Amino acid sequence: MRVTGYLTPSHRDAGRPRTKRTPALEKAMLEEMGEYPDISTYNLALHLHLYS
């Protein structure tokens, strides 16, 4: 039984993890933003291959 008192499974933690955040990725993002200060979030993600 879960803490909530329900026997049904929680779907909150189901599926694949949604984050790819790692210290190496954060460093790469900061370097890219330093080199290209006007880059959009979308283009930054494309450049770092964050979309599958």
PDB file of N, CA and C in Angstrom:
ATOM      1  N   MET A   1       0.849  -1.169   0.000  1.00  0.00           N
ATOM      2  CA  MET A   1       0.000   0.000   0.000  1.00  0.00           C
ATOM      3  C   MET A   1       0.903   1.243   0.000  1.00  0.00           C
ATOM      4  N   ARG A   2       0.552   2.190  -0.817  1.00  0.00           N
ATOM      5  CA  ARG A   2       1.340   3.418  -0.894  1.00  0.00           C
ATOM      6  C   ARG A   2       1.021   4.335   0.278  1.00  0.00           C
ATOM      7  N   VAL A   3       1.790   5.359   0.406  1.00  0.00           N
ATOM      8  CA  VAL A   3       1.619   6.323   1.487  1.00  0.00           C
ATOM      9  C   VAL A   3       0.250   6.987   1.424  1.00  0.00           C
ATOM     10  N   THR A   4      -0.304   7.122   0.219  1.00  0.00           N
ATOM     11  CA  THR A   4      -1.597   7.782   0.061  1.00  0.00           C
ATOM     12  C   THR A   4      -2.754   6.920   0.527  1.00  0.00           C
ATOM     13  N   GLY A   5      -2.517   5.622   0.724  1.00  0.00           N
ATOM     14  CA  GLY A   5      -3.579   4.740   1.158  1.00  0.00           C
ATOM     15  C   GLY A   5      -4.272   4.026   0.011  1.00  0.00           C
ATOM     16  N   TYR A   6      -3.864   4.296  -1.226  1.00  0.00           N
ATOM     17  CA  TYR A   6      -4.463   3.654  -2.398  1.00  0.00           C
ATOM     18  C   TYR A   6      -3.628   2.456  -2.835  1.00  0.00           C
ATOM     19  N   LEU A   7      -4.300   1.451  -3.353  1.00  0.00           N
ATOM     20  CA  LEU A   7      -3.594   0.268  -3.831  1.00  0.00           C
ATOM     21  C   LEU A   7      -3.240   0.363  -5.311  1.00  0.00           C
ATOM     22  N   THR A   8      -3.768   1.337  -5.998  1.00  0.00           N
ATOM     23  CA  THR A   8      -3.473   1.472  -7.428  1.00  0.00           C
ATOM     24  C   THR A   8      -2.058   2.005  -7.619  1.00  0.00           C
ATOM     25  N   PRO A   9      -1.407   1.596  -8.693  1.00  0.00           N
ATOM     26  CA  PRO A   9      -0.029   2.051  -8.924  1.00  0.00           C
ATOM     27  C   PRO A   9       0.014   3.534  -9.295  1.00  0.00           C
ATOM     28  N   SER A  10       1.094   4.143  -8.947  1.00  0.00           N
ATOM     29  CA  SER A  10       1.298   5.551  -9.291  1.00  0.00           C
ATOM     30  C   SER A  10       1.841   5.631 -10.712  1.00  0.00           C
ATOM     31  N   HIS A  11       1.248   6.486 -11.541  1.00  0.00           N
ATOM     32  CA  HIS A  11       1.728   6.653 -12.918  1.00  0.00           C
ATOM     33  C   HIS A  11       2.720   7.799 -13.028  1.00  0.00           C
ATOM     34  N   ARG A  12       2.946   8.456 -11.931  1.00  0.00           N
ATOM     35  CA  ARG A  12       3.855   9.605 -11.931  1.00  0.00           C
ATOM     36  C   ARG A  12       5.275   9.203 -12.303  1.00  0.00           C
ATOM     37  N   ASP A  13       5.727   8.046 -11.875  1.00  0.00           N
ATOM     38  CA  ASP A  13       7.097   7.615 -12.127  1.00  0.00           C
ATOM     39  C   ASP A  13       7.187   6.607 -13.268  1.00  0.00           C
ATOM     40  N   ALA A  14       6.115   6.444 -14.025  1.00  0.00           N
ATOM     41  CA  ALA A  14       6.111   5.467 -15.112  1.00  0.00           C
ATOM     42  C   ALA A  14       6.784   6.048 -16.352  1.00  0.00           C
ATOM     43  N   GLY A  15       7.334   5.183 -17.175  1.00  0.00           N
ATOM     44  CA  GLY A  15       7.931   5.630 -18.432  1.00  0.00           C
ATOM     45  C   GLY A  15       9.394   5.990 -18.296  1.00  0.00           C
ATOM     46  N   ARG A  16       9.905   6.540 -19.389  1.00  0.00           N
ATOM     47  CA  ARG A  16      11.327   6.875 -19.406  1.00  0.00           C
ATOM     48  C   ARG A  16      11.574   8.176 -18.653  1.00  0.00           C
ATOM     49  N   PRO A  17      12.769   8.341 -18.130  1.00  0.00           N
ATOM     50  CA  PRO A  17      13.109   9.606 -17.477  1.00  0.00           C
ATOM     51  C   PRO A  17      13.056  10.752 -18.489  1.00  0.00           C
ATOM     52  N   ARG A  18      12.633  11.909 -18.090  1.00  0.00           N
ATOM     53  CA  ARG A  18      12.458  13.043 -18.998  1.00  0.00           C
ATOM     54  C   ARG A  18      13.650  13.978 -19.044  1.00  0.00           C
ATOM     55  N   THR A  19      14.665  13.735 -18.259  1.00  0.00           N
ATOM     56  CA  THR A  19      15.783  14.666 -18.217  1.00  0.00           C
ATOM     57  C   THR A  19      17.060  14.008 -18.739  1.00  0.00           C
ATOM     58  N   LYS A  20      17.877  14.805 -19.369  1.00  0.00           N
ATOM     59  CA  LYS A  20      19.192  14.357 -19.814  1.00  0.00           C
ATOM     60  C   LYS A  20      20.277  15.171 -19.132  1.00  0.00           C
ATOM     61  N   ARG A  21      19.900  15.866 -18.070  1.00  0.00           N
ATOM     62  CA  ARG A  21      20.827  16.782 -17.413  1.00  0.00           C
ATOM     63  C   ARG A  21      21.954  16.015 -16.739  1.00  0.00           C
ATOM     64  N   THR A  22      23.156  16.352 -17.130  1.00  0.00           N
ATOM     65  CA  THR A  22      24.359  15.818 -16.519  1.00  0.00           C
ATOM     66  C   THR A  22      25.316  16.987 -16.324  1.00  0.00           C
ATOM     67  N   PRO A  23      26.302  16.835 -15.467  1.00  0.00           N
ATOM     68  CA  PRO A  23      27.286  17.919 -15.325  1.00  0.00           C
ATOM     69  C   PRO A  23      27.997  18.236 -16.647  1.00  0.00           C
ATOM     70  N   ALA A  24      28.291  17.216 -17.450  1.00  0.00           N
ATOM     71  CA  ALA A  24      28.964  17.445 -18.732  1.00  0.00           C
ATOM     72  C   ALA A  24      28.062  18.227 -19.689  1.00  0.00           C
ATOM     73  N   LEU A  25      26.774  17.912 -19.696  1.00  0.00           N
ATOM     74  CA  LEU A  25      25.839  18.630 -20.563  1.00  0.00           C
ATOM     75  C   LEU A  25      25.693  20.074 -20.108  1.00  0.00           C
ATOM     76  N   GLU A  26      25.602  20.298 -18.814  1.00  0.00           N
ATOM     77  CA  GLU A  26      25.492  21.666 -18.315  1.00  0.00           C
ATOM     78  C   GLU A  26      26.715  22.488 -18.704  1.00  0.00           C
ATOM     79  N   LYS A  27      27.890  21.877 -18.629  1.00  0.00           N
ATOM     80  CA  LYS A  27      29.124  22.565 -19.031  1.00  0.00           C
ATOM     81  C   LYS A  27      29.085  22.882 -20.519  1.00  0.00           C
ATOM     82  N   ALA A  28      28.655  21.928 -21.338  1.00  0.00           N
ATOM     83  CA  ALA A  28      28.564  22.144 -22.783  1.00  0.00           C
ATOM     84  C   ALA A  28      27.569  23.255 -23.108  1.00  0.00           C
ATOM     85  N   MET A  29      26.456  23.294 -22.391  1.00  0.00           N
ATOM     86  CA  MET A  29      25.463  24.338 -22.616  1.00  0.00           C
ATOM     87  C   MET A  29      26.032  25.712 -22.283  1.00  0.00           C
ATOM     88  N   LEU A  30      26.717  25.818 -21.166  1.00  0.00           N
ATOM     89  CA  LEU A  30      27.301  27.097 -20.775  1.00  0.00           C
ATOM     90  C   LEU A  30      28.361  27.551 -21.773  1.00  0.00           C
ATOM     91  N   GLU A  31      29.148  26.609 -22.285  1.00  0.00           N
ATOM     92  CA  GLU A  31      30.163  26.956 -23.282  1.00  0.00           C
ATOM     93  C   GLU A  31      29.513  27.449 -24.570  1.00  0.00           C
ATOM     94  N   GLU A  32      28.459  26.764 -25.013  1.00  0.00           N
ATOM     95  CA  GLU A  32      27.761  27.171 -26.229  1.00  0.00           C
ATOM     96  C   GLU A  32      27.114  28.538 -26.057  1.00  0.00           C
ATOM     97  N   MET A  33      26.512  28.763 -24.904  1.00  0.00           N
ATOM     98  CA  MET A  33      25.860  30.047 -24.662  1.00  0.00           C
ATOM     99  C   MET A  33      26.889  31.166 -24.552  1.00  0.00           C
ATOM    100  N   GLY A  34      28.084  30.850 -24.083  1.00  0.00           N
ATOM    101  CA  GLY A  34      29.147  31.848 -24.044  1.00  0.00           C
ATOM    102  C   GLY A  34      29.653  32.189 -25.438  1.00  0.00           C
ATOM    103  N   GLU A  35      29.712  31.166 -26.295  1.00  0.00           N
ATOM    104  CA  GLU A  35      30.191  31.374 -27.660  1.00  0.00           C
ATOM    105  C   GLU A  35      29.123  32.021 -28.536  1.00  0.00           C
ATOM    106  N   TYR A  36      27.855  31.655 -28.317  1.00  0.00           N
ATOM    107  CA  TYR A  36      26.729  32.186 -29.095  1.00  0.00           C
ATOM    108  C   TYR A  36      25.684  32.746 -28.125  1.00  0.00           C
ATOM    109  N   PRO A  37      25.884  33.957 -27.613  1.00  0.00           N
ATOM    110  CA  PRO A  37      24.976  34.477 -26.585  1.00  0.00           C
ATOM    111  C   PRO A  37      23.535  34.693 -27.060  1.00  0.00           C
ATOM    112  N   ASP A  38      23.308  34.808 -28.359  1.00  0.00           N
ATOM    113  CA  ASP A  38      21.959  35.040 -28.873  1.00  0.00           C
ATOM    114  C   ASP A  38      21.251  33.759 -29.301  1.00  0.00           C
ATOM    115  N   ILE A  39      21.826  32.587 -29.013  1.00  0.00           N
ATOM    116  CA  ILE A  39      21.229  31.321 -29.449  1.00  0.00           C
ATOM    117  C   ILE A  39      19.931  31.066 -28.684  1.00  0.00           C
ATOM    118  N   SER A  40      18.949  30.561 -29.400  1.00  0.00           N
ATOM    119  CA  SER A  40      17.674  30.240 -28.747  1.00  0.00           C
ATOM    120  C   SER A  40      17.798  28.895 -28.028  1.00  0.00           C
ATOM    121  N   THR A  41      16.899  28.666 -27.107  1.00  0.00           N
ATOM    122  CA  THR A  41      16.882  27.404 -26.375  1.00  0.00           C
ATOM    123  C   THR A  41      16.679  26.235 -27.324  1.00  0.00           C
ATOM    124  N   TYR A  42      15.785  26.424 -28.299  1.00  0.00           N
ATOM    125  CA  TYR A  42      15.508  25.377 -29.279  1.00  0.00           C
ATOM    126  C   TYR A  42      16.765  25.048 -30.090  1.00  0.00           C
ATOM    127  N   ASN A  43      17.434  26.067 -30.609  1.00  0.00           N
ATOM    128  CA  ASN A  43      18.640  25.827 -31.405  1.00  0.00           C
ATOM    129  C   ASN A  43      19.775  25.263 -30.562  1.00  0.00           C
ATOM    130  N   LEU A  44      19.854  25.660 -29.311  1.00  0.00           N
ATOM    131  CA  LEU A  44      20.859  25.096 -28.421  1.00  0.00           C
ATOM    132  C   LEU A  44      20.617  23.595 -28.240  1.00  0.00           C
ATOM    133  N   ALA A  45      19.375  23.219 -28.021  1.00  0.00           N
ATOM    134  CA  ALA A  45      19.035  21.799 -27.864  1.00  0.00           C
ATOM    135  C   ALA A  45      19.327  21.022 -29.147  1.00  0.00           C
ATOM    136  N   LEU A  46      19.024  21.611 -30.304  1.00  0.00           N
ATOM    137  CA  LEU A  46      19.329  20.935 -31.569  1.00  0.00           C
ATOM    138  C   LEU A  46      20.830  20.763 -31.739  1.00  0.00           C
ATOM    139  N   HIS A  47      21.568  21.806 -31.428  1.00  0.00           N
ATOM    140  CA  HIS A  47      23.030  21.773 -31.595  1.00  0.00           C
ATOM    141  C   HIS A  47      23.671  20.738 -30.680  1.00  0.00           C
ATOM    142  N   LEU A  48      23.109  20.544 -29.502  1.00  0.00           N
ATOM    143  CA  LEU A  48      23.661  19.578 -28.541  1.00  0.00           C
ATOM    144  C   LEU A  48      23.013  18.199 -28.657  1.00  0.00           C
ATOM    145  N   HIS A  49      22.169  18.022 -29.684  1.00  0.00           N
ATOM    146  CA  HIS A  49      21.522  16.727 -29.968  1.00  0.00           C
ATOM    147  C   HIS A  49      20.674  16.230 -28.793  1.00  0.00           C
ATOM    148  N   LEU A  50      19.853  17.126 -28.228  1.00  0.00           N
ATOM    149  CA  LEU A  50      19.010  16.745 -27.109  1.00  0.00           C
ATOM    150  C   LEU A  50      17.660  16.198 -27.548  1.00  0.00           C
ATOM    151  N   TYR A  51      17.305  16.403 -28.798  1.00  0.00           N
ATOM    152  CA  TYR A  51      16.054  15.861 -29.328  1.00  0.00           C
ATOM    153  C   TYR A  51      16.360  14.533 -29.981  1.00  0.00           C
ATOM    154  N   SER A  52      15.514  13.542 -29.712  1.00  0.00           N
ATOM    155  CA  SER A  52      15.754  12.224 -30.314  1.00  0.00           C
ATOM    156  C   SER A  52      14.918  12.019 -31.538  1.00  0.00           C
TER     157      SER A  52
END
